[in-house]
Amino acid sequence: MSSHAYTESGYLPENFLPDFVDLVVWGHEHECIIDPRWNPEMSFNVMQPGSSVATSLMPGEAVPKHVAVLDITGRDFTQKNIRLKTVRPFIMREVVLQELKGMKALAKKDNNRTEITNHLQGIVEELIEEAKASWLESQDMEDTDEDTHIPLPLIRLRVEYTAPEGGKYDLENPQRFSNRFVGRVANVNDVVQFHRKKTTTTRE
């Protein structure tokens, strides 16, 4: 069993591992890739169970969490995947503000903060409902009823807010925006994350 593929300074390529290995299990990784992947160059299988809870609000963490039970006989193994049911739901979405309906034209309007905030708030509401539905889907139906406690979800909305030429987006403070969802999400201070499109400069 191997510790992890990536370090702070780089990564350990799989072809650096000895070829007598039958199964590599990468630990200390975020994303859950529970089904074995065959490496034809090295002739071994690779599994990455991922973390059992969301440890950072990144895309890889939004994949449903699983564990696997391996039944090993000699050099062969079978696998049974088990979806973790008690994991706090995490839903992430990335949007480009000027590509959302009506937002390109809104960039030319003065004092557009309230309309932008309302639009983004509506998206977060959708994500909260999606998180609830995802959590309920992972449960056994006989164990759920009207009194079932659904854990507060982790929600992350990443918004690229580069405005079209001649326009401007007046955005609400991200923490203030996030605080609108107190009591409804687990990460009340960082629901939204604003960023501009990266620009590249060229030298002649």
N, C-alpha and C. Protein backbone atom coordinates (compact mmCIF):
# COMPACT_ATOMS: atom_id res chain seq x y z
N MET A 1 0.86 -1.18 0.00
CA MET A 1 0.00 0.00 0.00
C MET A 1 0.89 1.23 0.00
N SER A 2 0.57 2.21 -0.83
CA SER A 2 1.36 3.42 -0.92
C SER A 2 0.67 4.56 -0.20
N SER A 3 1.46 5.51 0.26
CA SER A 3 0.92 6.61 1.06
C SER A 3 0.14 7.60 0.21
N HIS A 4 0.81 8.35 -0.64
CA HIS A 4 0.06 9.26 -1.51
C HIS A 4 0.87 9.63 -2.74
N ALA A 5 0.13 9.99 -3.79
CA ALA A 5 0.78 10.26 -5.08
C ALA A 5 1.39 11.65 -5.12
N TYR A 6 0.81 12.59 -4.36
CA TYR A 6 1.20 13.98 -4.49
C TYR A 6 1.80 14.50 -3.19
N THR A 7 2.77 15.37 -3.30
CA THR A 7 3.36 16.02 -2.14
C THR A 7 3.33 17.52 -2.39
N GLU A 8 3.83 18.28 -1.40
CA GLU A 8 3.84 19.74 -1.58
C GLU A 8 4.75 20.15 -2.73
N SER A 9 5.75 19.34 -3.02
CA SER A 9 6.72 19.73 -4.05
C SER A 9 6.55 18.98 -5.36
N GLY A 10 5.60 18.07 -5.44
CA GLY A 10 5.43 17.34 -6.69
C GLY A 10 4.56 16.12 -6.50
N TYR A 11 4.87 15.07 -7.27
CA TYR A 11 4.08 13.86 -7.16
C TYR A 11 4.95 12.65 -7.47
N LEU A 12 4.46 11.51 -7.07
CA LEU A 12 5.18 10.26 -7.30
C LEU A 12 4.51 9.55 -8.47
N PRO A 13 5.15 9.52 -9.64
CA PRO A 13 4.54 8.83 -10.78
C PRO A 13 4.38 7.34 -10.48
N GLU A 14 3.31 6.75 -11.00
CA GLU A 14 3.05 5.34 -10.74
C GLU A 14 4.14 4.44 -11.32
N ASN A 15 4.80 4.89 -12.38
CA ASN A 15 5.83 4.03 -12.97
C ASN A 15 7.13 4.04 -12.16
N PHE A 16 7.15 4.80 -11.06
CA PHE A 16 8.28 4.74 -10.14
C PHE A 16 8.11 3.63 -9.12
N LEU A 17 6.89 3.07 -9.06
CA LEU A 17 6.62 2.00 -8.10
C LEU A 17 7.12 0.66 -8.65
N PRO A 18 7.43 -0.29 -7.78
CA PRO A 18 7.91 -1.59 -8.28
C PRO A 18 6.82 -2.33 -9.03
N ASP A 19 7.22 -3.09 -10.06
CA ASP A 19 6.24 -3.75 -10.92
C ASP A 19 5.72 -5.07 -10.36
N PHE A 20 6.20 -5.48 -9.17
CA PHE A 20 5.65 -6.70 -8.57
C PHE A 20 4.38 -6.40 -7.76
N VAL A 21 4.00 -5.13 -7.67
CA VAL A 21 2.81 -4.73 -6.92
C VAL A 21 1.56 -5.13 -7.71
N ASP A 22 0.52 -5.60 -7.02
CA ASP A 22 -0.75 -5.95 -7.67
C ASP A 22 -1.80 -4.86 -7.52
N LEU A 23 -1.78 -4.18 -6.38
CA LEU A 23 -2.78 -3.15 -6.10
C LEU A 23 -2.13 -1.99 -5.36
N VAL A 24 -2.32 -0.79 -5.89
CA VAL A 24 -1.84 0.43 -5.24
C VAL A 24 -3.06 1.16 -4.68
N VAL A 25 -3.00 1.54 -3.42
CA VAL A 25 -4.07 2.32 -2.80
C VAL A 25 -3.47 3.66 -2.39
N TRP A 26 -3.88 4.72 -3.08
CA TRP A 26 -3.37 6.05 -2.74
C TRP A 26 -4.17 6.58 -1.56
N GLY A 27 -3.45 6.97 -0.51
CA GLY A 27 -4.08 7.59 0.64
C GLY A 27 -3.78 9.08 0.66
N HIS A 28 -4.35 9.79 1.61
CA HIS A 28 -4.11 11.22 1.80
C HIS A 28 -4.51 12.05 0.58
N GLU A 29 -5.52 11.58 -0.15
CA GLU A 29 -6.03 12.32 -1.30
C GLU A 29 -7.46 12.73 -1.03
N HIS A 30 -7.92 13.81 -1.66
CA HIS A 30 -9.26 14.34 -1.41
C HIS A 30 -10.33 13.59 -2.19
N GLU A 31 -10.15 13.48 -3.51
CA GLU A 31 -11.21 12.94 -4.36
C GLU A 31 -11.37 11.44 -4.20
N CYS A 32 -12.61 10.99 -4.15
CA CYS A 32 -12.90 9.56 -4.03
C CYS A 32 -13.00 8.95 -5.43
N ILE A 33 -12.01 8.12 -5.79
CA ILE A 33 -12.04 7.36 -7.05
C ILE A 33 -11.98 5.90 -6.62
N ILE A 34 -13.13 5.37 -6.23
CA ILE A 34 -13.16 4.10 -5.51
C ILE A 34 -12.99 2.89 -6.43
N ASP A 35 -13.40 2.98 -7.68
CA ASP A 35 -13.27 1.83 -8.57
C ASP A 35 -11.82 1.70 -9.05
N PRO A 36 -11.25 0.50 -8.98
CA PRO A 36 -9.86 0.30 -9.39
C PRO A 36 -9.65 0.70 -10.85
N ARG A 37 -8.53 1.36 -11.09
CA ARG A 37 -8.13 1.74 -12.44
C ARG A 37 -6.90 0.91 -12.82
N TRP A 38 -6.95 0.28 -13.97
CA TRP A 38 -5.85 -0.59 -14.41
C TRP A 38 -4.76 0.26 -15.04
N ASN A 39 -3.53 0.08 -14.59
CA ASN A 39 -2.39 0.74 -15.19
C ASN A 39 -1.70 -0.27 -16.12
N PRO A 40 -1.92 -0.16 -17.43
CA PRO A 40 -1.38 -1.18 -18.36
C PRO A 40 0.14 -1.17 -18.43
N GLU A 41 0.75 -0.02 -18.20
CA GLU A 41 2.22 0.05 -18.26
C GLU A 41 2.85 -0.74 -17.12
N MET A 42 2.23 -0.67 -15.93
CA MET A 42 2.82 -1.31 -14.75
C MET A 42 2.13 -2.63 -14.39
N SER A 43 1.01 -2.91 -15.02
CA SER A 43 0.25 -4.14 -14.77
C SER A 43 -0.20 -4.26 -13.32
N PHE A 44 -0.69 -3.15 -12.77
CA PHE A 44 -1.34 -3.22 -11.45
C PHE A 44 -2.56 -2.32 -11.44
N ASN A 45 -3.44 -2.57 -10.46
CA ASN A 45 -4.63 -1.75 -10.27
C ASN A 45 -4.33 -0.62 -9.28
N VAL A 46 -5.06 0.49 -9.46
CA VAL A 46 -4.87 1.64 -8.59
C VAL A 46 -6.23 2.08 -8.05
N MET A 47 -6.31 2.24 -6.73
CA MET A 47 -7.52 2.74 -6.08
C MET A 47 -7.19 4.01 -5.30
N GLN A 48 -8.17 4.91 -5.21
CA GLN A 48 -8.00 6.12 -4.41
C GLN A 48 -9.30 6.36 -3.63
N PRO A 49 -9.39 5.82 -2.41
CA PRO A 49 -10.64 5.96 -1.65
C PRO A 49 -10.99 7.42 -1.33
N GLY A 50 -10.00 8.29 -1.22
CA GLY A 50 -10.27 9.68 -0.89
C GLY A 50 -10.58 9.85 0.58
N SER A 51 -10.77 11.10 0.98
CA SER A 51 -11.09 11.39 2.38
C SER A 51 -12.54 11.00 2.65
N SER A 52 -12.80 10.63 3.90
CA SER A 52 -14.16 10.19 4.26
C SER A 52 -15.10 11.36 4.53
N VAL A 53 -14.55 12.55 4.68
CA VAL A 53 -15.35 13.77 4.84
C VAL A 53 -14.74 14.85 3.96
N ALA A 54 -15.50 15.92 3.71
CA ALA A 54 -14.97 17.03 2.93
C ALA A 54 -14.01 17.83 3.79
N THR A 55 -12.72 17.79 3.44
CA THR A 55 -11.72 18.50 4.22
C THR A 55 -11.36 19.85 3.61
N SER A 56 -11.77 20.09 2.38
CA SER A 56 -11.60 21.40 1.75
C SER A 56 -12.68 21.54 0.70
N LEU A 57 -13.10 22.77 0.45
CA LEU A 57 -14.21 22.99 -0.48
C LEU A 57 -13.68 23.11 -1.91
N MET A 58 -13.26 21.95 -2.45
CA MET A 58 -12.71 21.87 -3.79
C MET A 58 -13.55 20.89 -4.60
N PRO A 59 -13.48 20.99 -5.96
CA PRO A 59 -14.33 20.13 -6.79
C PRO A 59 -14.23 18.64 -6.49
N GLY A 60 -13.03 18.14 -6.23
CA GLY A 60 -12.85 16.72 -5.97
C GLY A 60 -13.59 16.24 -4.73
N GLU A 61 -13.85 17.16 -3.79
CA GLU A 61 -14.54 16.79 -2.56
C GLU A 61 -16.04 16.61 -2.77
N ALA A 62 -16.56 17.11 -3.89
CA ALA A 62 -18.00 17.04 -4.13
C ALA A 62 -18.45 15.68 -4.65
N VAL A 63 -17.50 14.80 -4.95
CA VAL A 63 -17.83 13.45 -5.40
C VAL A 63 -18.35 12.65 -4.21
N PRO A 64 -19.42 11.83 -4.38
CA PRO A 64 -19.92 11.04 -3.26
C PRO A 64 -18.81 10.19 -2.62
N LYS A 65 -18.81 10.17 -1.27
CA LYS A 65 -17.76 9.46 -0.53
C LYS A 65 -18.11 7.98 -0.41
N HIS A 66 -17.11 7.13 -0.63
CA HIS A 66 -17.28 5.68 -0.52
C HIS A 66 -16.11 5.08 0.26
N VAL A 67 -16.36 3.91 0.79
CA VAL A 67 -15.29 3.02 1.23
C VAL A 67 -15.47 1.73 0.46
N ALA A 68 -14.46 0.88 0.48
CA ALA A 68 -14.55 -0.40 -0.23
C ALA A 68 -14.07 -1.52 0.67
N VAL A 69 -14.74 -2.65 0.58
CA VAL A 69 -14.31 -3.86 1.26
C VAL A 69 -13.68 -4.77 0.22
N LEU A 70 -12.41 -5.11 0.45
CA LEU A 70 -11.69 -5.97 -0.48
C LEU A 70 -11.65 -7.40 0.05
N ASP A 71 -11.93 -8.33 -0.83
CA ASP A 71 -11.81 -9.76 -0.51
C ASP A 71 -10.66 -10.28 -1.36
N ILE A 72 -9.52 -10.59 -0.70
CA ILE A 72 -8.29 -10.93 -1.42
C ILE A 72 -8.02 -12.43 -1.32
N THR A 73 -7.84 -13.04 -2.48
CA THR A 73 -7.48 -14.46 -2.54
C THR A 73 -6.25 -14.58 -3.43
N GLY A 74 -5.12 -14.92 -2.83
CA GLY A 74 -3.89 -14.99 -3.62
C GLY A 74 -3.56 -13.63 -4.19
N ARG A 75 -3.47 -13.55 -5.51
CA ARG A 75 -3.17 -12.27 -6.16
C ARG A 75 -4.41 -11.65 -6.79
N ASP A 76 -5.57 -12.24 -6.53
CA ASP A 76 -6.83 -11.71 -7.06
C ASP A 76 -7.63 -11.07 -5.94
N PHE A 77 -8.49 -10.13 -6.30
CA PHE A 77 -9.35 -9.51 -5.29
C PHE A 77 -10.69 -9.14 -5.91
N THR A 78 -11.70 -9.14 -5.06
CA THR A 78 -13.01 -8.61 -5.44
C THR A 78 -13.29 -7.45 -4.49
N GLN A 79 -14.20 -6.61 -4.92
CA GLN A 79 -14.43 -5.36 -4.20
C GLN A 79 -15.91 -5.10 -4.05
N LYS A 80 -16.31 -4.62 -2.86
CA LYS A 80 -17.68 -4.19 -2.63
C LYS A 80 -17.63 -2.74 -2.18
N ASN A 81 -18.26 -1.85 -2.96
CA ASN A 81 -18.27 -0.43 -2.63
C ASN A 81 -19.43 -0.12 -1.68
N ILE A 82 -19.16 0.73 -0.72
CA ILE A 82 -20.19 1.14 0.25
C ILE A 82 -20.21 2.66 0.30
N ARG A 83 -21.33 3.25 -0.09
CA ARG A 83 -21.43 4.70 -0.02
C ARG A 83 -21.63 5.12 1.43
N LEU A 84 -20.86 6.12 1.86
CA LEU A 84 -20.99 6.62 3.23
C LEU A 84 -22.23 7.48 3.33
N LYS A 85 -23.08 7.17 4.29
CA LYS A 85 -24.39 7.81 4.38
C LYS A 85 -24.43 9.02 5.31
N THR A 86 -23.47 9.10 6.23
CA THR A 86 -23.55 10.16 7.23
C THR A 86 -22.65 11.35 6.91
N VAL A 87 -22.07 11.35 5.71
CA VAL A 87 -21.19 12.45 5.33
C VAL A 87 -22.02 13.71 5.06
N ARG A 88 -21.54 14.83 5.60
CA ARG A 88 -22.22 16.10 5.34
C ARG A 88 -22.23 16.37 3.84
N PRO A 89 -23.41 16.66 3.25
CA PRO A 89 -23.44 16.88 1.80
C PRO A 89 -22.66 18.13 1.39
N PHE A 90 -21.99 18.02 0.27
CA PHE A 90 -21.21 19.14 -0.26
C PHE A 90 -21.53 19.29 -1.74
N ILE A 91 -22.00 20.49 -2.10
CA ILE A 91 -22.32 20.79 -3.49
C ILE A 91 -21.53 22.02 -3.91
N MET A 92 -20.91 21.93 -5.08
CA MET A 92 -20.11 23.05 -5.59
C MET A 92 -20.53 23.37 -7.02
N ARG A 93 -20.57 24.65 -7.32
CA ARG A 93 -20.86 25.06 -8.70
C ARG A 93 -19.98 26.26 -9.05
N GLU A 94 -19.56 26.30 -10.30
CA GLU A 94 -18.78 27.43 -10.80
C GLU A 94 -19.59 28.09 -11.91
N VAL A 95 -19.69 29.43 -11.86
CA VAL A 95 -20.42 30.17 -12.89
C VAL A 95 -19.59 31.34 -13.36
N VAL A 96 -19.85 31.76 -14.59
CA VAL A 96 -19.27 32.98 -15.14
C VAL A 96 -20.39 34.00 -15.16
N LEU A 97 -20.25 35.06 -14.39
CA LEU A 97 -21.36 35.99 -14.16
C LEU A 97 -21.94 36.54 -15.45
N GLN A 98 -21.09 36.96 -16.38
CA GLN A 98 -21.63 37.59 -17.59
C GLN A 98 -22.30 36.59 -18.53
N GLU A 99 -22.13 35.27 -18.25
CA GLU A 99 -22.80 34.26 -19.07
C GLU A 99 -24.16 33.87 -18.52
N LEU A 100 -24.48 34.33 -17.30
CA LEU A 100 -25.79 34.04 -16.72
C LEU A 100 -26.85 34.92 -17.37
N LYS A 101 -28.06 34.44 -17.43
CA LYS A 101 -29.15 35.15 -18.10
C LYS A 101 -29.33 36.56 -17.55
N GLY A 102 -29.24 37.54 -18.43
CA GLY A 102 -29.48 38.93 -18.07
C GLY A 102 -28.30 39.64 -17.43
N MET A 103 -27.25 38.91 -17.10
CA MET A 103 -26.14 39.52 -16.37
C MET A 103 -25.21 40.36 -17.25
N LYS A 104 -25.12 40.02 -18.53
CA LYS A 104 -24.25 40.80 -19.41
C LYS A 104 -24.81 42.21 -19.57
N ALA A 105 -26.10 42.30 -19.79
CA ALA A 105 -26.74 43.61 -19.92
C ALA A 105 -26.71 44.37 -18.60
N LEU A 106 -26.84 43.65 -17.50
CA LEU A 106 -26.87 44.29 -16.18
C LEU A 106 -25.55 44.98 -15.85
N ALA A 107 -24.46 44.52 -16.47
CA ALA A 107 -23.15 45.13 -16.20
C ALA A 107 -23.11 46.59 -16.61
N LYS A 108 -23.97 47.00 -17.55
CA LYS A 108 -23.99 48.39 -18.02
C LYS A 108 -24.90 49.28 -17.15
N LYS A 109 -25.58 48.67 -16.20
CA LYS A 109 -26.51 49.41 -15.35
C LYS A 109 -25.82 49.84 -14.06
N ASP A 110 -26.06 51.10 -13.65
CA ASP A 110 -25.50 51.59 -12.40
C ASP A 110 -26.21 50.92 -11.22
N ASN A 111 -25.52 50.84 -10.10
CA ASN A 111 -26.09 50.30 -8.86
C ASN A 111 -26.75 48.93 -9.09
N ASN A 112 -25.97 48.01 -9.61
CA ASN A 112 -26.53 46.70 -9.94
C ASN A 112 -26.30 45.64 -8.85
N ARG A 113 -25.81 46.06 -7.69
CA ARG A 113 -25.46 45.10 -6.64
C ARG A 113 -26.66 44.27 -6.19
N THR A 114 -27.79 44.91 -5.94
CA THR A 114 -28.95 44.18 -5.41
C THR A 114 -29.42 43.10 -6.38
N GLU A 115 -29.47 43.43 -7.67
CA GLU A 115 -29.94 42.45 -8.65
C GLU A 115 -28.95 41.29 -8.80
N ILE A 116 -27.65 41.59 -8.74
CA ILE A 116 -26.65 40.53 -8.81
C ILE A 116 -26.77 39.62 -7.59
N THR A 117 -26.88 40.25 -6.42
CA THR A 117 -26.99 39.49 -5.17
C THR A 117 -28.21 38.58 -5.19
N ASN A 118 -29.34 39.11 -5.64
CA ASN A 118 -30.57 38.30 -5.69
C ASN A 118 -30.41 37.11 -6.63
N HIS A 119 -29.76 37.32 -7.76
CA HIS A 119 -29.56 36.25 -8.73
C HIS A 119 -28.67 35.14 -8.14
N LEU A 120 -27.57 35.55 -7.53
CA LEU A 120 -26.65 34.58 -6.95
C LEU A 120 -27.28 33.88 -5.74
N GLN A 121 -28.10 34.62 -5.01
CA GLN A 121 -28.79 34.02 -3.87
C GLN A 121 -29.72 32.90 -4.36
N GLY A 122 -30.36 33.12 -5.48
CA GLY A 122 -31.24 32.10 -6.05
C GLY A 122 -30.47 30.84 -6.42
N ILE A 123 -29.25 31.02 -6.93
CA ILE A 123 -28.42 29.85 -7.28
C ILE A 123 -28.05 29.07 -6.02
N VAL A 124 -27.69 29.79 -4.96
CA VAL A 124 -27.34 29.11 -3.71
C VAL A 124 -28.54 28.35 -3.15
N GLU A 125 -29.73 28.93 -3.27
CA GLU A 125 -30.94 28.23 -2.82
C GLU A 125 -31.10 26.90 -3.57
N GLU A 126 -30.83 26.93 -4.88
CA GLU A 126 -30.89 25.70 -5.68
C GLU A 126 -29.88 24.67 -5.19
N LEU A 127 -28.67 25.14 -4.85
CA LEU A 127 -27.62 24.23 -4.39
C LEU A 127 -27.98 23.61 -3.05
N ILE A 128 -28.62 24.38 -2.18
CA ILE A 128 -29.04 23.85 -0.88
C ILE A 128 -30.07 22.73 -1.08
N GLU A 129 -31.02 22.96 -1.98
CA GLU A 129 -32.03 21.93 -2.26
C GLU A 129 -31.39 20.70 -2.91
N GLU A 130 -30.42 20.93 -3.78
CA GLU A 130 -29.72 19.82 -4.43
C GLU A 130 -28.97 18.99 -3.39
N ALA A 131 -28.36 19.67 -2.41
CA ALA A 131 -27.63 18.98 -1.35
C ALA A 131 -28.57 18.13 -0.51
N LYS A 132 -29.73 18.67 -0.18
CA LYS A 132 -30.72 17.90 0.60
C LYS A 132 -31.15 16.66 -0.17
N ALA A 133 -31.46 16.84 -1.46
CA ALA A 133 -31.91 15.72 -2.28
C ALA A 133 -30.82 14.65 -2.39
N SER A 134 -29.56 15.09 -2.54
CA SER A 134 -28.45 14.16 -2.66
C SER A 134 -28.28 13.35 -1.37
N TRP A 135 -28.41 14.02 -0.22
CA TRP A 135 -28.26 13.32 1.06
C TRP A 135 -29.38 12.30 1.26
N LEU A 136 -30.62 12.71 0.94
CA LEU A 136 -31.75 11.78 1.10
C LEU A 136 -31.62 10.58 0.17
N GLU A 137 -31.09 10.82 -1.02
CA GLU A 137 -30.91 9.74 -2.00
C GLU A 137 -29.93 8.68 -1.49
N SER A 138 -28.97 9.12 -0.68
CA SER A 138 -27.95 8.19 -0.18
C SER A 138 -28.44 7.36 1.01
N GLN A 139 -29.61 7.70 1.56
CA GLN A 139 -30.11 7.01 2.74
C GLN A 139 -31.02 5.84 2.37
N ASP A 140 -31.19 4.92 3.30
CA ASP A 140 -32.17 3.85 3.14
C ASP A 140 -33.55 4.45 3.37
N MET A 141 -34.46 4.24 2.45
CA MET A 141 -35.79 4.87 2.53
C MET A 141 -36.51 4.52 3.82
N GLU A 142 -36.30 3.27 4.34
CA GLU A 142 -37.01 2.88 5.55
C GLU A 142 -36.49 3.62 6.78
N ASP A 143 -35.29 4.21 6.65
CA ASP A 143 -34.70 4.92 7.79
C ASP A 143 -35.04 6.41 7.79
N THR A 144 -35.73 6.89 6.76
CA THR A 144 -36.03 8.32 6.67
C THR A 144 -37.52 8.57 6.83
N ASP A 145 -37.84 9.63 7.53
CA ASP A 145 -39.23 10.05 7.68
C ASP A 145 -39.24 11.57 7.84
N GLU A 146 -40.38 12.13 8.23
CA GLU A 146 -40.49 13.58 8.33
C GLU A 146 -39.57 14.15 9.40
N ASP A 147 -39.21 13.34 10.40
CA ASP A 147 -38.36 13.82 11.49
C ASP A 147 -36.88 13.60 11.23
N THR A 148 -36.53 13.08 10.05
CA THR A 148 -35.13 12.81 9.73
C THR A 148 -34.33 14.12 9.73
N HIS A 149 -33.23 14.11 10.46
CA HIS A 149 -32.37 15.30 10.54
C HIS A 149 -31.36 15.26 9.40
N ILE A 150 -31.45 16.24 8.51
CA ILE A 150 -30.50 16.35 7.40
C ILE A 150 -29.39 17.30 7.85
N PRO A 151 -28.13 16.85 7.84
CA PRO A 151 -27.05 17.75 8.28
C PRO A 151 -26.95 18.97 7.37
N LEU A 152 -26.57 20.10 7.97
CA LEU A 152 -26.40 21.31 7.17
C LEU A 152 -25.35 21.06 6.09
N PRO A 153 -25.63 21.44 4.85
CA PRO A 153 -24.69 21.14 3.77
C PRO A 153 -23.53 22.13 3.71
N LEU A 154 -22.48 21.70 3.04
CA LEU A 154 -21.40 22.60 2.64
C LEU A 154 -21.72 23.05 1.22
N ILE A 155 -21.77 24.35 1.02
CA ILE A 155 -22.12 24.91 -0.30
C ILE A 155 -21.00 25.85 -0.73
N ARG A 156 -20.54 25.70 -1.95
CA ARG A 156 -19.54 26.61 -2.49
C ARG A 156 -19.96 27.03 -3.90
N LEU A 157 -20.15 28.34 -4.07
CA LEU A 157 -20.45 28.92 -5.37
C LEU A 157 -19.27 29.80 -5.77
N ARG A 158 -18.55 29.37 -6.81
CA ARG A 158 -17.43 30.16 -7.32
C ARG A 158 -17.93 30.99 -8.50
N VAL A 159 -17.70 32.31 -8.42
CA VAL A 159 -18.23 33.24 -9.41
C VAL A 159 -17.09 33.99 -10.07
N GLU A 160 -16.96 33.78 -11.38
CA GLU A 160 -15.99 34.56 -12.15
C GLU A 160 -16.71 35.82 -12.61
N TYR A 161 -16.25 37.00 -12.14
CA TYR A 161 -17.04 38.21 -12.31
C TYR A 161 -16.41 39.26 -13.22
N THR A 162 -15.58 38.81 -14.16
CA THR A 162 -15.04 39.76 -15.13
C THR A 162 -16.20 40.35 -15.93
N ALA A 163 -16.30 41.67 -15.94
CA ALA A 163 -17.41 42.34 -16.64
C ALA A 163 -17.08 42.53 -18.11
N PRO A 164 -18.11 42.59 -18.96
CA PRO A 164 -17.86 42.89 -20.38
C PRO A 164 -17.31 44.32 -20.51
N GLU A 165 -16.66 44.57 -21.62
CA GLU A 165 -16.03 45.89 -21.81
C GLU A 165 -17.06 47.01 -21.64
N GLY A 166 -16.68 48.01 -20.86
CA GLY A 166 -17.56 49.14 -20.61
C GLY A 166 -18.56 48.92 -19.49
N GLY A 167 -18.51 47.75 -18.87
CA GLY A 167 -19.45 47.45 -17.80
C GLY A 167 -18.74 47.22 -16.48
N LYS A 168 -19.54 47.02 -15.42
CA LYS A 168 -18.99 46.81 -14.09
C LYS A 168 -19.98 46.01 -13.25
N TYR A 169 -19.46 45.10 -12.45
CA TYR A 169 -20.29 44.36 -11.51
C TYR A 169 -19.98 44.85 -10.10
N ASP A 170 -21.01 45.32 -9.42
CA ASP A 170 -20.88 45.80 -8.04
C ASP A 170 -21.28 44.65 -7.12
N LEU A 171 -20.29 43.98 -6.55
CA LEU A 171 -20.55 42.77 -5.79
C LEU A 171 -20.64 43.04 -4.29
N GLU A 172 -21.48 42.26 -3.64
CA GLU A 172 -21.59 42.33 -2.19
C GLU A 172 -20.36 41.67 -1.57
N ASN A 173 -19.99 42.12 -0.38
CA ASN A 173 -18.90 41.50 0.35
C ASN A 173 -19.18 40.00 0.48
N PRO A 174 -18.21 39.13 0.15
CA PRO A 174 -18.48 37.68 0.15
C PRO A 174 -18.91 37.14 1.51
N GLN A 175 -18.34 37.66 2.60
CA GLN A 175 -18.74 37.15 3.91
C GLN A 175 -20.16 37.59 4.25
N ARG A 176 -20.49 38.83 3.90
CA ARG A 176 -21.85 39.30 4.16
C ARG A 176 -22.86 38.49 3.34
N PHE A 177 -22.51 38.22 2.09
CA PHE A 177 -23.39 37.38 1.26
C PHE A 177 -23.57 36.01 1.89
N SER A 178 -22.46 35.42 2.31
CA SER A 178 -22.50 34.08 2.88
C SER A 178 -23.32 34.04 4.16
N ASN A 179 -23.23 35.10 4.96
CA ASN A 179 -23.96 35.15 6.23
C ASN A 179 -25.48 35.15 6.06
N ARG A 180 -25.95 35.36 4.84
CA ARG A 180 -27.39 35.30 4.57
C ARG A 180 -27.94 33.89 4.79
N PHE A 181 -27.04 32.90 4.83
CA PHE A 181 -27.48 31.50 4.89
C PHE A 181 -27.16 30.85 6.24
N VAL A 182 -27.01 31.69 7.27
CA VAL A 182 -26.79 31.17 8.62
C VAL A 182 -27.97 30.27 9.01
N GLY A 183 -27.64 29.11 9.56
CA GLY A 183 -28.67 28.15 9.96
C GLY A 183 -29.11 27.23 8.84
N ARG A 184 -28.59 27.48 7.61
CA ARG A 184 -29.00 26.66 6.47
C ARG A 184 -27.82 25.97 5.80
N VAL A 185 -26.60 26.48 6.07
CA VAL A 185 -25.39 25.85 5.55
C VAL A 185 -24.37 25.74 6.68
N ALA A 186 -23.41 24.84 6.49
CA ALA A 186 -22.40 24.63 7.53
C ALA A 186 -21.27 25.67 7.44
N ASN A 187 -20.97 26.12 6.23
CA ASN A 187 -19.87 27.08 6.03
C ASN A 187 -20.44 28.49 5.82
N VAL A 188 -20.85 29.12 6.91
CA VAL A 188 -21.59 30.38 6.81
C VAL A 188 -20.72 31.57 6.43
N ASN A 189 -19.40 31.41 6.39
CA ASN A 189 -18.54 32.56 6.07
C ASN A 189 -17.95 32.53 4.67
N ASP A 190 -18.08 31.40 3.98
CA ASP A 190 -17.41 31.30 2.68
C ASP A 190 -18.23 30.53 1.65
N VAL A 191 -19.53 30.82 1.61
CA VAL A 191 -20.40 30.17 0.62
C VAL A 191 -20.01 30.60 -0.79
N VAL A 192 -19.75 31.89 -0.95
CA VAL A 192 -19.43 32.42 -2.28
C VAL A 192 -17.95 32.77 -2.35
N GLN A 193 -17.39 32.59 -3.53
CA GLN A 193 -15.99 32.92 -3.77
C GLN A 193 -15.93 33.64 -5.11
N PHE A 194 -15.54 34.92 -5.08
CA PHE A 194 -15.46 35.73 -6.29
C PHE A 194 -14.03 35.74 -6.83
N HIS A 195 -13.90 35.66 -8.15
CA HIS A 195 -12.58 35.77 -8.75
C HIS A 195 -12.72 36.31 -10.17
N ARG A 196 -11.70 37.02 -10.61
CA ARG A 196 -11.68 37.54 -11.97
C ARG A 196 -10.95 36.57 -12.91
N LYS A 197 -11.23 36.72 -14.20
CA LYS A 197 -10.54 35.91 -15.20
C LYS A 197 -9.07 36.28 -15.19
N LYS A 198 -8.22 35.28 -15.21
CA LYS A 198 -6.78 35.54 -15.24
C LYS A 198 -6.40 36.12 -16.59
N THR A 199 -5.62 37.17 -16.54
CA THR A 199 -5.15 37.78 -17.80
C THR A 199 -3.70 37.43 -17.99
N THR A 200 -3.33 37.16 -19.24
CA THR A 200 -1.94 36.84 -19.54
C THR A 200 -1.31 37.99 -20.30
N THR A 201 -0.11 38.33 -19.94
CA THR A 201 0.61 39.41 -20.64
C THR A 201 1.67 38.78 -21.52
N THR A 202 1.84 39.35 -22.67
CA THR A 202 2.86 38.83 -23.59
C THR A 202 3.93 39.88 -23.78
N ARG A 203 5.16 39.42 -23.87
CA ARG A 203 6.29 40.35 -24.10
C ARG A 203 6.72 40.24 -25.55
N GLU A 204 7.04 41.39 -26.10
CA GLU A 204 7.52 41.38 -27.48
C GLU A 204 9.00 41.08 -27.48
